Amino acid sequence: MMKLLFFDMNTIRTKEALHEAFQKKLELPAYYGKNLDAFYDVLSEGAINAMLVFENCECADGEMSEYLDRLKEIGKRLEREGLPLSFKFFR
């Protein structure tokens, strides 16, 4: 069964906070490196079946906005690989 996980970018204001939310909500292993490369690596293992919904993306500014753009690309890449993952981004 696919998990539906929400990430409110109105309250998640830093990369560190985003990775903490990933680790908690996705139940990522303790060795998770808390960066986008590590995020891709752990999700590409295929063990996680989830839809990740990012809300209030307009609240992200500057560096965080660019980080979300990189995250969108990673999401598209993971989806193209046929993994049981889906990424949705809403303003």
Protein backbone atom coordinates (compact mmCIF):
# COMPACT_ATOMS: atom_id res chain seq x y z
CA MET A 1 0.00 0.00 0.00
CA MET A 2 1.31 3.42 -0.98
CA LYS A 3 1.98 5.86 1.85
CA LEU A 4 0.78 9.43 1.35
CA LEU A 5 3.25 11.83 2.95
CA PHE A 6 2.89 15.61 3.16
CA PHE A 7 5.71 18.11 3.48
CA ASP A 8 4.60 21.68 4.25
CA MET A 9 7.24 24.05 2.91
CA ASN A 10 5.67 26.82 4.96
CA THR A 11 7.13 25.16 8.06
CA ILE A 12 10.14 23.41 6.49
CA ARG A 13 12.46 26.33 5.82
CA THR A 14 15.93 24.74 5.59
CA LYS A 15 17.58 21.83 3.81
CA GLU A 16 18.40 20.32 7.17
CA ALA A 17 14.77 20.47 8.30
CA LEU A 18 13.65 18.91 5.01
CA HIS A 19 16.03 15.98 5.41
CA GLU A 20 14.96 15.52 9.02
CA ALA A 21 11.35 15.32 7.80
CA PHE A 22 12.38 12.82 5.10
CA GLN A 23 14.16 10.64 7.62
CA LYS A 24 11.24 10.67 10.04
CA LYS A 25 8.31 10.30 7.62
CA LEU A 26 9.98 7.86 5.24
CA GLU A 27 11.59 5.94 8.10
CA LEU A 28 14.98 6.19 6.44
CA PRO A 29 17.90 4.25 7.91
CA ALA A 30 20.25 5.77 10.47
CA TYR A 31 23.05 5.90 7.88
CA TYR A 32 21.01 8.26 5.64
CA GLY A 33 23.40 11.04 4.63
CA LYS A 34 20.85 13.90 4.69
CA ASN A 35 21.61 15.32 1.25
CA LEU A 36 20.00 14.92 -2.15
CA ASP A 37 22.52 12.34 -3.37
CA ALA A 38 21.83 10.18 -0.32
CA PHE A 39 18.08 10.77 -0.77
CA TYR A 40 18.25 9.49 -4.33
CA ASP A 41 20.40 6.52 -3.32
CA VAL A 42 18.11 5.34 -0.51
CA LEU A 43 14.93 5.78 -2.56
CA SER A 44 16.39 4.09 -5.63
CA GLU A 45 16.73 0.89 -3.58
CA GLY A 46 12.98 0.48 -4.25
CA ALA A 47 11.95 -0.39 -0.70
CA ILE A 48 9.73 2.67 -0.23
CA ASN A 49 6.25 2.87 -1.74
CA ALA A 50 5.06 6.45 -1.28
CA MET A 51 3.59 9.59 -2.76
CA LEU A 52 5.47 12.62 -1.50
CA VAL A 53 3.36 15.77 -1.60
CA PHE A 54 5.12 19.10 -1.17
CA GLU A 55 2.72 21.90 -0.22
CA ASN A 56 3.22 25.66 -0.10
CA CYS A 57 6.27 25.53 -2.34
CA GLU A 58 5.91 29.26 -3.00
CA CYS A 59 7.08 29.79 0.59
CA ALA A 60 10.52 28.45 -0.30
CA ASP A 61 12.84 31.26 -1.30
CA GLY A 62 16.41 31.72 -2.42
CA GLU A 63 18.57 28.69 -1.78
CA MET A 64 15.62 26.59 -0.63
CA SER A 65 13.72 27.31 -3.84
CA GLU A 66 16.71 26.10 -5.87
CA TYR A 67 16.93 23.03 -3.64
CA LEU A 68 13.29 22.19 -4.38
CA ASP A 69 14.04 22.51 -8.11
CA ARG A 70 16.81 19.92 -7.70
CA LEU A 71 14.45 17.73 -5.67
CA LYS A 72 11.87 17.90 -8.49
CA GLU A 73 14.48 16.61 -10.94
CA ILE A 74 15.36 13.74 -8.59
CA GLY A 75 11.65 12.92 -8.25
CA LYS A 76 11.23 12.82 -12.03
CA ARG A 77 14.28 10.58 -12.35
CA LEU A 78 13.02 8.15 -9.71
CA GLU A 79 9.56 8.04 -11.31
CA ARG A 80 11.10 7.31 -14.76
CA GLU A 81 12.95 4.38 -13.21
CA GLY A 82 9.58 2.77 -12.48
CA LEU A 83 9.95 2.82 -8.71
CA PRO A 84 6.79 2.83 -6.54
CA LEU A 85 7.23 6.55 -5.88
CA SER A 86 5.39 9.66 -6.87
CA PHE A 87 6.29 13.30 -6.26
CA LYS A 88 3.78 16.18 -6.34
CA PHE A 89 4.64 19.84 -5.85
CA PHE A 90 2.00 22.49 -5.16
CA ARG A 91 2.34 26.22 -4.86
